Amino acid sequence: MAIESARAGRRRRCAGSSLALALVVACATPPAPDLALFLERRAACDHFRGEVPDPPDAERMREIEQQTAATCTGTDAQLAQLKRRYRDDPVVTQQLAAFEPRIEAK
């Protein structure tokens, strides 16, 4: 009973909200595991893609290249798949639209 009451209260708060996207996301259901894993993996990928040692360091650059390969490989295809799967969910569609569709070298 308490759970139903909490859900009803949450629906009321979300339904009447015309606030920024951050609140829309907060009111949305939690992301599916495949989406959550992609978001986490792609965040790590993007982190390493932006990592450039200064001053130049060959050993650190090798490490960055290894981490980039480990975290980025397959994300282009996964992003395309998630965009198809969640095409009817405007919140997820907006989240996924923020990512570059092709980051992997061909």
N, C-alpha and C. Protein backbone atom coordinates (compact mmCIF):
# COMPACT_ATOMS: atom_id res chain seq x y z
N MET A 1 0.82 -1.19 0.00
CA MET A 1 0.00 0.00 0.00
C MET A 1 0.86 1.26 0.00
N ALA A 2 1.92 1.25 0.82
CA ALA A 2 2.80 2.42 0.87
C ALA A 2 3.50 2.63 -0.47
N ILE A 3 3.83 1.53 -1.15
CA ILE A 3 4.50 1.63 -2.45
C ILE A 3 3.56 2.28 -3.46
N GLU A 4 2.29 1.83 -3.48
CA GLU A 4 1.32 2.41 -4.41
C GLU A 4 1.13 3.89 -4.14
N SER A 5 1.09 4.26 -2.88
CA SER A 5 0.93 5.66 -2.51
C SER A 5 2.13 6.49 -2.98
N ALA A 6 3.33 5.93 -2.82
CA ALA A 6 4.54 6.63 -3.27
C ALA A 6 4.54 6.77 -4.78
N ARG A 7 4.13 5.72 -5.48
CA ARG A 7 4.06 5.79 -6.94
C ARG A 7 3.05 6.84 -7.40
N ALA A 8 1.90 6.88 -6.75
CA ALA A 8 0.88 7.86 -7.11
C ALA A 8 1.41 9.27 -6.89
N GLY A 9 2.09 9.48 -5.77
CA GLY A 9 2.67 10.79 -5.50
C GLY A 9 3.73 11.16 -6.52
N ARG A 10 4.52 10.18 -6.91
CA ARG A 10 5.55 10.43 -7.93
C ARG A 10 4.91 10.78 -9.26
N ARG A 11 3.86 10.06 -9.63
CA ARG A 11 3.17 10.35 -10.89
C ARG A 11 2.59 11.77 -10.88
N ARG A 12 2.01 12.17 -9.76
CA ARG A 12 1.45 13.52 -9.66
C ARG A 12 2.54 14.57 -9.82
N ARG A 13 3.67 14.36 -9.15
CA ARG A 13 4.77 15.33 -9.25
C ARG A 13 5.29 15.40 -10.67
N CYS A 14 5.40 14.26 -11.33
CA CYS A 14 5.96 14.23 -12.69
C CYS A 14 4.96 14.74 -13.71
N ALA A 15 3.70 14.42 -13.55
CA ALA A 15 2.70 14.80 -14.54
C ALA A 15 2.53 16.31 -14.61
N GLY A 16 2.61 16.97 -13.48
CA GLY A 16 2.40 18.41 -13.47
C GLY A 16 3.66 19.22 -13.73
N SER A 17 4.73 18.57 -13.96
CA SER A 17 6.01 19.27 -14.11
C SER A 17 6.24 19.75 -15.52
N SER A 18 6.64 21.00 -15.65
CA SER A 18 7.06 21.52 -16.95
C SER A 18 8.48 22.05 -16.81
N LEU A 19 9.25 21.43 -15.90
CA LEU A 19 10.62 21.86 -15.63
C LEU A 19 11.58 21.33 -16.68
N ALA A 20 12.83 21.65 -16.51
CA ALA A 20 13.90 21.28 -17.45
C ALA A 20 14.03 19.77 -17.59
N LEU A 21 14.78 19.37 -18.59
CA LEU A 21 14.98 17.95 -18.90
C LEU A 21 15.49 17.17 -17.69
N ALA A 22 16.30 17.78 -16.86
CA ALA A 22 16.83 17.08 -15.69
C ALA A 22 15.71 16.55 -14.82
N LEU A 23 14.65 17.31 -14.65
CA LEU A 23 13.53 16.83 -13.86
C LEU A 23 12.74 15.76 -14.60
N VAL A 24 12.65 15.88 -15.90
CA VAL A 24 11.96 14.86 -16.68
C VAL A 24 12.69 13.54 -16.51
N VAL A 25 14.02 13.59 -16.59
CA VAL A 25 14.81 12.38 -16.42
C VAL A 25 14.63 11.83 -15.02
N ALA A 26 14.57 12.69 -14.02
CA ALA A 26 14.40 12.24 -12.64
C ALA A 26 13.05 11.56 -12.44
N CYS A 27 12.05 11.96 -13.20
CA CYS A 27 10.73 11.38 -13.07
C CYS A 27 10.57 10.12 -13.91
N ALA A 28 11.45 9.91 -14.83
CA ALA A 28 11.36 8.74 -15.71
C ALA A 28 11.70 7.48 -14.92
N THR A 29 11.30 6.38 -15.48
CA THR A 29 11.65 5.12 -14.85
C THR A 29 13.15 4.91 -14.98
N PRO A 30 13.74 4.13 -14.09
CA PRO A 30 15.18 3.90 -14.17
C PRO A 30 15.53 3.26 -15.51
N PRO A 31 16.73 3.55 -16.04
CA PRO A 31 17.10 3.01 -17.33
C PRO A 31 17.22 1.49 -17.29
N ALA A 32 16.94 0.87 -18.43
CA ALA A 32 17.11 -0.57 -18.56
C ALA A 32 18.59 -0.89 -18.40
N PRO A 33 18.91 -2.11 -17.97
CA PRO A 33 20.31 -2.46 -17.76
C PRO A 33 21.19 -2.24 -18.99
N ASP A 34 20.68 -2.57 -20.18
CA ASP A 34 21.49 -2.39 -21.39
C ASP A 34 21.81 -0.92 -21.61
N LEU A 35 20.87 -0.05 -21.34
CA LEU A 35 21.08 1.38 -21.50
C LEU A 35 22.05 1.90 -20.44
N ALA A 36 21.85 1.50 -19.21
CA ALA A 36 22.72 1.95 -18.12
C ALA A 36 24.16 1.50 -18.36
N LEU A 37 24.35 0.27 -18.79
CA LEU A 37 25.70 -0.22 -19.07
C LEU A 37 26.33 0.54 -20.23
N PHE A 38 25.55 0.82 -21.27
CA PHE A 38 26.08 1.59 -22.39
C PHE A 38 26.50 2.98 -21.93
N LEU A 39 25.66 3.66 -21.18
CA LEU A 39 25.98 5.02 -20.73
C LEU A 39 27.26 5.04 -19.90
N GLU A 40 27.42 4.06 -19.04
CA GLU A 40 28.62 3.97 -18.21
C GLU A 40 29.85 3.68 -19.07
N ARG A 41 29.72 2.73 -19.97
CA ARG A 41 30.84 2.35 -20.84
C ARG A 41 31.23 3.50 -21.76
N ARG A 42 30.24 4.16 -22.33
CA ARG A 42 30.53 5.25 -23.26
C ARG A 42 31.13 6.44 -22.54
N ALA A 43 30.75 6.67 -21.29
CA ALA A 43 31.38 7.75 -20.50
C ALA A 43 32.86 7.45 -20.31
N ALA A 44 33.21 6.20 -20.02
CA ALA A 44 34.61 5.82 -19.87
C ALA A 44 35.34 5.97 -21.20
N CYS A 45 34.69 5.54 -22.27
CA CYS A 45 35.26 5.65 -23.61
C CYS A 45 35.56 7.12 -23.93
N ASP A 46 34.59 7.97 -23.74
CA ASP A 46 34.77 9.39 -24.05
C ASP A 46 35.85 10.03 -23.18
N HIS A 47 35.94 9.57 -21.93
CA HIS A 47 37.00 10.07 -21.05
C HIS A 47 38.37 9.77 -21.66
N PHE A 48 38.59 8.52 -22.03
CA PHE A 48 39.89 8.14 -22.58
C PHE A 48 40.14 8.76 -23.95
N ARG A 49 39.09 8.96 -24.73
CA ARG A 49 39.26 9.61 -26.04
C ARG A 49 39.77 11.04 -25.87
N GLY A 50 39.42 11.68 -24.78
CA GLY A 50 39.84 13.06 -24.54
C GLY A 50 41.13 13.18 -23.76
N GLU A 51 41.69 12.07 -23.38
CA GLU A 51 42.90 12.06 -22.56
C GLU A 51 44.14 12.17 -23.45
N VAL A 52 44.90 13.22 -23.28
CA VAL A 52 46.16 13.39 -24.02
C VAL A 52 47.21 13.81 -23.00
N PRO A 53 48.26 13.00 -22.85
CA PRO A 53 49.27 13.35 -21.84
C PRO A 53 50.05 14.61 -22.22
N ASP A 54 50.23 15.45 -21.24
CA ASP A 54 51.00 16.67 -21.45
C ASP A 54 51.96 16.81 -20.27
N PRO A 55 53.22 16.70 -20.45
CA PRO A 55 53.93 16.58 -21.72
C PRO A 55 53.75 15.18 -22.31
N PRO A 56 54.05 15.04 -23.60
CA PRO A 56 53.89 13.74 -24.26
C PRO A 56 54.61 12.63 -23.51
N ASP A 57 53.91 11.50 -23.38
CA ASP A 57 54.45 10.36 -22.63
C ASP A 57 54.03 9.09 -23.38
N ALA A 58 54.99 8.41 -24.00
CA ALA A 58 54.70 7.25 -24.83
C ALA A 58 54.03 6.13 -24.03
N GLU A 59 54.47 5.90 -22.81
CA GLU A 59 53.89 4.83 -22.00
C GLU A 59 52.42 5.15 -21.65
N ARG A 60 52.18 6.37 -21.24
CA ARG A 60 50.80 6.78 -20.92
C ARG A 60 49.93 6.72 -22.18
N MET A 61 50.47 7.10 -23.32
CA MET A 61 49.70 7.06 -24.56
C MET A 61 49.31 5.62 -24.92
N ARG A 62 50.21 4.67 -24.70
CA ARG A 62 49.87 3.25 -24.94
C ARG A 62 48.73 2.81 -24.02
N GLU A 63 48.81 3.22 -22.77
CA GLU A 63 47.75 2.88 -21.81
C GLU A 63 46.41 3.47 -22.24
N ILE A 64 46.43 4.71 -22.68
CA ILE A 64 45.20 5.38 -23.15
C ILE A 64 44.64 4.65 -24.36
N GLU A 65 45.51 4.27 -25.29
CA GLU A 65 45.06 3.54 -26.48
C GLU A 65 44.44 2.19 -26.11
N GLN A 66 45.02 1.50 -25.13
CA GLN A 66 44.47 0.22 -24.68
C GLN A 66 43.10 0.42 -24.03
N GLN A 67 42.99 1.43 -23.18
CA GLN A 67 41.72 1.69 -22.51
C GLN A 67 40.65 2.15 -23.50
N THR A 68 41.06 2.94 -24.48
CA THR A 68 40.12 3.39 -25.51
C THR A 68 39.60 2.20 -26.29
N ALA A 69 40.49 1.30 -26.68
CA ALA A 69 40.07 0.10 -27.41
C ALA A 69 39.13 -0.75 -26.56
N ALA A 70 39.45 -0.90 -25.28
CA ALA A 70 38.63 -1.74 -24.40
C ALA A 70 37.25 -1.15 -24.14
N THR A 71 37.15 0.17 -24.03
CA THR A 71 35.87 0.78 -23.67
C THR A 71 35.05 1.23 -24.87
N CYS A 72 35.71 1.51 -25.99
CA CYS A 72 35.00 2.07 -27.16
C CYS A 72 34.59 1.03 -28.19
N THR A 73 35.31 -0.07 -28.28
CA THR A 73 35.04 -1.06 -29.32
C THR A 73 33.62 -1.61 -29.18
N GLY A 74 32.88 -1.48 -30.26
CA GLY A 74 31.50 -1.97 -30.29
C GLY A 74 30.44 -0.95 -29.91
N THR A 75 30.85 0.23 -29.46
CA THR A 75 29.85 1.20 -29.01
C THR A 75 29.08 1.85 -30.16
N ASP A 76 29.68 1.92 -31.35
CA ASP A 76 28.95 2.47 -32.50
C ASP A 76 27.72 1.60 -32.79
N ALA A 77 27.93 0.30 -32.87
CA ALA A 77 26.83 -0.62 -33.15
C ALA A 77 25.83 -0.65 -31.99
N GLN A 78 26.33 -0.61 -30.78
CA GLN A 78 25.44 -0.63 -29.62
C GLN A 78 24.58 0.63 -29.57
N LEU A 79 25.17 1.78 -29.89
CA LEU A 79 24.41 3.02 -29.91
C LEU A 79 23.30 2.94 -30.95
N ALA A 80 23.61 2.46 -32.14
CA ALA A 80 22.59 2.32 -33.19
C ALA A 80 21.48 1.39 -32.75
N GLN A 81 21.84 0.29 -32.10
CA GLN A 81 20.84 -0.67 -31.62
C GLN A 81 19.94 -0.03 -30.55
N LEU A 82 20.53 0.69 -29.62
CA LEU A 82 19.75 1.33 -28.56
C LEU A 82 18.84 2.42 -29.13
N LYS A 83 19.31 3.15 -30.13
CA LYS A 83 18.47 4.16 -30.77
C LYS A 83 17.24 3.51 -31.41
N ARG A 84 17.43 2.36 -32.02
CA ARG A 84 16.28 1.65 -32.61
C ARG A 84 15.34 1.14 -31.51
N ARG A 85 15.91 0.54 -30.47
CA ARG A 85 15.10 -0.05 -29.41
C ARG A 85 14.28 0.99 -28.66
N TYR A 86 14.85 2.15 -28.42
CA TYR A 86 14.19 3.18 -27.61
C TYR A 86 13.66 4.34 -28.44
N ARG A 87 13.43 4.12 -29.72
CA ARG A 87 13.00 5.22 -30.61
C ARG A 87 11.67 5.85 -30.18
N ASP A 88 10.85 5.12 -29.43
CA ASP A 88 9.57 5.65 -28.97
C ASP A 88 9.64 6.30 -27.59
N ASP A 89 10.82 6.37 -27.02
CA ASP A 89 11.01 6.97 -25.69
C ASP A 89 11.77 8.29 -25.87
N PRO A 90 11.07 9.42 -25.79
CA PRO A 90 11.72 10.70 -26.08
C PRO A 90 12.86 11.06 -25.13
N VAL A 91 12.79 10.65 -23.89
CA VAL A 91 13.85 10.97 -22.94
C VAL A 91 15.12 10.21 -23.30
N VAL A 92 14.98 8.91 -23.56
CA VAL A 92 16.13 8.10 -23.93
C VAL A 92 16.67 8.55 -25.29
N THR A 93 15.77 8.84 -26.23
CA THR A 93 16.19 9.31 -27.55
C THR A 93 17.05 10.56 -27.43
N GLN A 94 16.65 11.48 -26.57
CA GLN A 94 17.43 12.70 -26.38
C GLN A 94 18.79 12.40 -25.74
N GLN A 95 18.81 11.49 -24.78
CA GLN A 95 20.07 11.10 -24.15
C GLN A 95 21.03 10.53 -25.19
N LEU A 96 20.53 9.63 -26.02
CA LEU A 96 21.36 8.95 -27.00
C LEU A 96 21.80 9.89 -28.12
N ALA A 97 20.99 10.88 -28.42
CA ALA A 97 21.33 11.83 -29.49
C ALA A 97 22.58 12.65 -29.16
N ALA A 98 22.91 12.73 -27.89
CA ALA A 98 24.08 13.51 -27.47
C ALA A 98 25.39 12.84 -27.85
N PHE A 99 25.36 11.56 -28.20
CA PHE A 99 26.58 10.83 -28.52
C PHE A 99 26.90 10.87 -30.00
N GLU A 100 28.19 10.98 -30.32
CA GLU A 100 28.63 10.89 -31.70
C GLU A 100 28.31 9.47 -32.19
N PRO A 101 27.70 9.33 -33.36
CA PRO A 101 27.29 8.00 -33.82
C PRO A 101 28.45 7.13 -34.30
N ARG A 102 29.55 7.74 -34.72
CA ARG A 102 30.68 6.95 -35.25
C ARG A 102 32.00 7.47 -34.67
N ILE A 103 32.49 6.71 -33.71
CA ILE A 103 33.76 7.08 -33.10
C ILE A 103 34.84 6.04 -33.35
N GLU A 104 34.43 4.85 -33.78
CA GLU A 104 35.38 3.78 -33.99
C GLU A 104 36.02 3.90 -35.37
N ALA A 105 37.31 3.64 -35.42
CA ALA A 105 38.01 3.64 -36.72
C ALA A 105 37.55 2.45 -37.53
N LYS A 106 37.36 2.66 -38.78
CA LYS A 106 36.91 1.57 -39.67
C LYS A 106 38.07 0.96 -40.37
